[in-house]
Amino acid sequence: MRAVVQRVSRASCRVGGDIVSSIQNGLVVLLGIGHDDGDEDLEFLAKKIIRLRVFEDSEGKMNLSLKESGGSVLLISQFTLYGDARKGNRPSFIAAAVPHLAQELYQKMADRLRAEVPVQTGVFQAMMDVELINNGPVTILLDSKKLF
């Protein structure tokens, strides 16, 4: 399971021109689910996202977690995080989970995060326009299978 995590001052998701979700201060999480991902991967990333200390404390240091800062999550399904463009110019997505597995784990991730922090979601398999103001900018890559 892979995630691109961006600290934001605000973000929204539109489908067909209509805003379907939005947050103020918090994290936009673009979540990619691989064909061999399961509950262990989900739990690893959920804990990381909730505990990631990327919010500033009173001294301006990145010392606070999402939960401590009172922030929210905008969770967006992003199968293209499993795109492999090492050969040729057209990415291959064979490492991405099939839609029914990905949707199940995506929903489980939303529920798992929602147990601890406010969560808004995009629409699974929809063409979405995600608009955000990346605060910092702070962008972190997470992968449940390997360290960067």
C-alpha atoms as a PDB file:
ATOM      1  CA  MET A   1       0.000   0.000   0.000  1.00  0.00           C
ATOM      2  CA  ARG A   2       1.342   3.400  -0.937  1.00  0.00           C
ATOM      3  CA  ALA A   3       0.388   6.888   0.113  1.00  0.00           C
ATOM      4  CA  VAL A   4       1.374  10.391  -0.858  1.00  0.00           C
ATOM      5  CA  VAL A   5       0.619  12.513   2.198  1.00  0.00           C
ATOM      6  CA  GLN A   6       0.428  16.290   1.851  1.00  0.00           C
ATOM      7  CA  ARG A   7      -0.065  18.760   4.666  1.00  0.00           C
ATOM      8  CA  VAL A   8      -2.711  21.243   3.566  1.00  0.00           C
ATOM      9  CA  SER A   9      -4.367  24.406   4.758  1.00  0.00           C
ATOM     10  CA  ARG A  10      -7.433  23.414   2.727  1.00  0.00           C
ATOM     11  CA  ALA A  11      -8.470  20.886   0.091  1.00  0.00           C
ATOM     12  CA  SER A  12     -11.524  19.782  -1.828  1.00  0.00           C
ATOM     13  CA  CYS A  13     -12.617  17.056  -4.213  1.00  0.00           C
ATOM     14  CA  ARG A  14     -14.996  17.622  -7.122  1.00  0.00           C
ATOM     15  CA  VAL A  15     -16.797  15.046  -9.222  1.00  0.00           C
ATOM     16  CA  GLY A  16     -18.634  16.297 -12.287  1.00  0.00           C
ATOM     17  CA  GLY A  17     -18.059  19.883 -11.174  1.00  0.00           C
ATOM     18  CA  ASP A  18     -19.724  19.377  -7.774  1.00  0.00           C
ATOM     19  CA  ILE A  19     -17.775  19.489  -4.512  1.00  0.00           C
ATOM     20  CA  VAL A  20     -18.216  16.084  -2.861  1.00  0.00           C
ATOM     21  CA  SER A  21     -15.830  16.643   0.054  1.00  0.00           C
ATOM     22  CA  SER A  22     -13.583  19.281   1.575  1.00  0.00           C
ATOM     23  CA  ILE A  23     -11.369  19.875   4.594  1.00  0.00           C
ATOM     24  CA  GLN A  24      -9.526  22.727   6.226  1.00  0.00           C
ATOM     25  CA  ASN A  25      -6.167  22.122   7.995  1.00  0.00           C
ATOM     26  CA  GLY A  26      -5.046  18.538   7.734  1.00  0.00           C
ATOM     27  CA  LEU A  27      -3.715  15.968   5.308  1.00  0.00           C
ATOM     28  CA  VAL A  28      -4.603  14.983   1.779  1.00  0.00           C
ATOM     29  CA  VAL A  29      -3.811  11.295   1.443  1.00  0.00           C
ATOM     30  CA  LEU A  30      -3.566   9.844  -2.058  1.00  0.00           C
ATOM     31  CA  LEU A  31      -3.874   6.096  -1.436  1.00  0.00           C
ATOM     32  CA  GLY A  32      -2.716   3.401  -3.841  1.00  0.00           C
ATOM     33  CA  ILE A  33      -3.541  -0.234  -3.136  1.00  0.00           C
ATOM     34  CA  GLY A  34      -1.428  -3.052  -4.530  1.00  0.00           C
ATOM     35  CA  HIS A  35      -2.614  -6.505  -5.574  1.00  0.00           C
ATOM     36  CA  ASP A  36      -0.911  -8.137  -2.586  1.00  0.00           C
ATOM     37  CA  ASP A  37      -2.005  -5.628   0.079  1.00  0.00           C
ATOM     38  CA  GLY A  38      -4.054  -6.634   3.088  1.00  0.00           C
ATOM     39  CA  ASP A  39      -5.071  -5.645   6.593  1.00  0.00           C
ATOM     40  CA  GLU A  40      -1.450  -5.550   7.848  1.00  0.00           C
ATOM     41  CA  ASP A  41      -0.531  -2.968   5.217  1.00  0.00           C
ATOM     42  CA  LEU A  42      -3.657  -0.985   6.033  1.00  0.00           C
ATOM     43  CA  GLU A  43      -2.921  -0.915   9.766  1.00  0.00           C
ATOM     44  CA  PHE A  44       0.723   0.075   9.198  1.00  0.00           C
ATOM     45  CA  LEU A  45      -0.221   3.036   6.986  1.00  0.00           C
ATOM     46  CA  ALA A  46      -3.180   4.118   9.123  1.00  0.00           C
ATOM     47  CA  LYS A  47      -0.951   4.364  12.196  1.00  0.00           C
ATOM     48  CA  LYS A  48       1.703   6.254  10.239  1.00  0.00           C
ATOM     49  CA  ILE A  49      -0.795   8.741   8.823  1.00  0.00           C
ATOM     50  CA  ILE A  50      -2.376   9.445  12.210  1.00  0.00           C
ATOM     51  CA  ARG A  51       0.957   9.661  14.082  1.00  0.00           C
ATOM     52  CA  LEU A  52       3.067  11.442  11.435  1.00  0.00           C
ATOM     53  CA  ARG A  53       4.527  14.503  13.146  1.00  0.00           C
ATOM     54  CA  VAL A  54       4.307  17.080  10.362  1.00  0.00           C
ATOM     55  CA  PHE A  55       2.331  19.852  12.070  1.00  0.00           C
ATOM     56  CA  GLU A  56       4.045  22.758  13.778  1.00  0.00           C
ATOM     57  CA  ASP A  57       4.064  23.209  17.532  1.00  0.00           C
ATOM     58  CA  SER A  58       4.130  26.580  19.311  1.00  0.00           C
ATOM     59  CA  GLU A  59       7.844  26.905  18.488  1.00  0.00           C
ATOM     60  CA  GLY A  60       7.344  26.352  14.762  1.00  0.00           C
ATOM     61  CA  LYS A  61       8.843  22.837  14.770  1.00  0.00           C
ATOM     62  CA  MET A  62       7.158  19.897  13.061  1.00  0.00           C
ATOM     63  CA  ASN A  63       6.337  18.118  16.294  1.00  0.00           C
ATOM     64  CA  LEU A  64       2.589  17.494  16.264  1.00  0.00           C
ATOM     65  CA  SER A  65       0.584  14.649  14.763  1.00  0.00           C
ATOM     66  CA  LEU A  66      -2.665  14.978  12.852  1.00  0.00           C
ATOM     67  CA  LYS A  67      -4.626  14.032  15.943  1.00  0.00           C
ATOM     68  CA  GLU A  68      -2.733  16.497  18.176  1.00  0.00           C
ATOM     69  CA  SER A  69      -3.211  19.313  15.672  1.00  0.00           C
ATOM     70  CA  GLY A  70      -6.951  18.740  15.350  1.00  0.00           C
ATOM     71  CA  GLY A  71      -6.664  18.242  11.596  1.00  0.00           C
ATOM     72  CA  SER A  72      -8.732  16.230   9.146  1.00  0.00           C
ATOM     73  CA  VAL A  73      -7.970  13.833   6.290  1.00  0.00           C
ATOM     74  CA  LEU A  74      -9.135  14.005   2.698  1.00  0.00           C
ATOM     75  CA  LEU A  75      -8.629  10.421   1.469  1.00  0.00           C
ATOM     76  CA  ILE A  76      -8.442   9.940  -2.293  1.00  0.00           C
ATOM     77  CA  SER A  77      -8.111   6.587  -4.072  1.00  0.00           C
ATOM     78  CA  GLN A  78      -5.133   6.749  -6.451  1.00  0.00           C
ATOM     79  CA  PHE A  79      -4.364   3.516  -8.352  1.00  0.00           C
ATOM     80  CA  THR A  80      -1.806   5.356 -10.487  1.00  0.00           C
ATOM     81  CA  LEU A  81       0.610   5.240  -7.521  1.00  0.00           C
ATOM     82  CA  TYR A  82       1.245   1.689  -8.759  1.00  0.00           C
ATOM     83  CA  GLY A  83       2.082   2.847 -12.272  1.00  0.00           C
ATOM     84  CA  ASP A  84       5.373   1.402 -13.525  1.00  0.00           C
ATOM     85  CA  ALA A  85       6.944   3.443 -16.323  1.00  0.00           C
ATOM     86  CA  ARG A  86      10.409   1.866 -16.299  1.00  0.00           C
ATOM     87  CA  LYS A  87       9.815   0.293 -19.725  1.00  0.00           C
ATOM     88  CA  GLY A  88       8.454   2.491 -22.481  1.00  0.00           C
ATOM     89  CA  ASN A  89       6.380   5.601 -21.932  1.00  0.00           C
ATOM     90  CA  ARG A  90       2.980   4.149 -21.086  1.00  0.00           C
ATOM     91  CA  PRO A  91       2.729   3.125 -17.430  1.00  0.00           C
ATOM     92  CA  SER A  92       1.742  -0.418 -16.561  1.00  0.00           C
ATOM     93  CA  PHE A  93      -0.680  -0.851 -13.668  1.00  0.00           C
ATOM     94  CA  ILE A  94      -0.418  -4.618 -13.198  1.00  0.00           C
ATOM     95  CA  ALA A  95       0.781  -4.176  -9.603  1.00  0.00           C
ATOM     96  CA  ALA A  96      -2.407  -2.286  -8.635  1.00  0.00           C
ATOM     97  CA  ALA A  97      -5.192  -4.180  -6.907  1.00  0.00           C
ATOM     98  CA  VAL A  98      -8.277  -5.186  -8.882  1.00  0.00           C
ATOM     99  CA  PRO A  99     -11.130  -2.721  -8.287  1.00  0.00           C
ATOM    100  CA  HIS A 100     -13.237  -4.799  -5.883  1.00  0.00           C
ATOM    101  CA  LEU A 101     -10.246  -5.499  -3.587  1.00  0.00           C
ATOM    102  CA  ALA A 102      -9.033  -1.906  -3.817  1.00  0.00           C
ATOM    103  CA  GLN A 103     -12.478  -0.515  -3.002  1.00  0.00           C
ATOM    104  CA  GLU A 104     -12.809  -2.804   0.019  1.00  0.00           C
ATOM    105  CA  LEU A 105      -9.404  -1.777   1.433  1.00  0.00           C
ATOM    106  CA  TYR A 106     -10.002   1.894   0.584  1.00  0.00           C
ATOM    107  CA  GLN A 107     -13.246   1.844   2.574  1.00  0.00           C
ATOM    108  CA  LYS A 108     -11.544  -0.002   5.441  1.00  0.00           C
ATOM    109  CA  MET A 109      -8.814   2.658   5.479  1.00  0.00           C
ATOM    110  CA  ALA A 110     -11.416   5.440   5.605  1.00  0.00           C
ATOM    111  CA  ASP A 111     -13.172   3.677   8.495  1.00  0.00           C
ATOM    112  CA  ARG A 112      -9.893   3.003  10.331  1.00  0.00           C
ATOM    113  CA  LEU A 113      -8.776   6.635  10.075  1.00  0.00           C
ATOM    114  CA  ARG A 114     -12.285   7.867  10.926  1.00  0.00           C
ATOM    115  CA  ALA A 115     -12.059   5.993  14.246  1.00  0.00           C
ATOM    116  CA  GLU A 116      -9.440   8.557  15.347  1.00  0.00           C
ATOM    117  CA  VAL A 117      -9.725  11.694  13.196  1.00  0.00           C
ATOM    118  CA  PRO A 118     -12.291  13.407  10.940  1.00  0.00           C
ATOM    119  CA  VAL A 119     -12.170  11.971   7.410  1.00  0.00           C
ATOM    120  CA  GLN A 120     -13.668  13.033   4.099  1.00  0.00           C
ATOM    121  CA  THR A 121     -13.311  10.884   0.974  1.00  0.00           C
ATOM    122  CA  GLY A 122     -13.349  11.136  -2.755  1.00  0.00           C
ATOM    123  CA  VAL A 123     -15.513   8.878  -4.933  1.00  0.00           C
ATOM    124  CA  PHE A 124     -13.924   5.524  -5.719  1.00  0.00           C
ATOM    125  CA  GLN A 125     -13.206   5.020  -9.461  1.00  0.00           C
ATOM    126  CA  ALA A 126     -14.601   8.459 -10.367  1.00  0.00           C
ATOM    127  CA  MET A 127     -12.785  11.086 -12.390  1.00  0.00           C
ATOM    128  CA  MET A 128     -11.998  13.589  -9.642  1.00  0.00           C
ATOM    129  CA  ASP A 129     -10.568  17.088  -9.516  1.00  0.00           C
ATOM    130  CA  VAL A 130      -8.633  17.468  -6.277  1.00  0.00           C
ATOM    131  CA  GLU A 131      -7.713  21.005  -5.330  1.00  0.00           C
ATOM    132  CA  LEU A 132      -5.393  21.726  -2.425  1.00  0.00           C
ATOM    133  CA  ILE A 133      -3.154  24.282  -0.843  1.00  0.00           C
ATOM    134  CA  ASN A 134      -0.034  22.364   0.201  1.00  0.00           C
ATOM    135  CA  ASN A 135       1.107  23.994   3.430  1.00  0.00           C
ATOM    136  CA  GLY A 136       4.888  24.210   3.756  1.00  0.00           C
ATOM    137  CA  PRO A 137       5.007  22.534   1.288  1.00  0.00           C
ATOM    138  CA  VAL A 138       5.133  19.248   3.175  1.00  0.00           C
ATOM    139  CA  THR A 139       4.819  16.037   1.160  1.00  0.00           C
ATOM    140  CA  ILE A 140       5.691  12.589   2.534  1.00  0.00           C
ATOM    141  CA  LEU A 141       5.799   9.269   0.667  1.00  0.00           C
ATOM    142  CA  LEU A 142       4.743   6.164   2.593  1.00  0.00           C
ATOM    143  CA  ASP A 143       4.908   2.541   1.462  1.00  0.00           C
ATOM    144  CA  SER A 144       3.908  -0.417   3.626  1.00  0.00           C
ATOM    145  CA  LYS A 145       6.324  -2.729   1.806  1.00  0.00           C
ATOM    146  CA  LYS A 146       9.574  -0.762   1.765  1.00  0.00           C
ATOM    147  CA  LEU A 147      11.411   2.152   3.263  1.00  0.00           C
ATOM    148  CA  PHE A 148      12.526   5.035   1.058  1.00  0.00           C
END
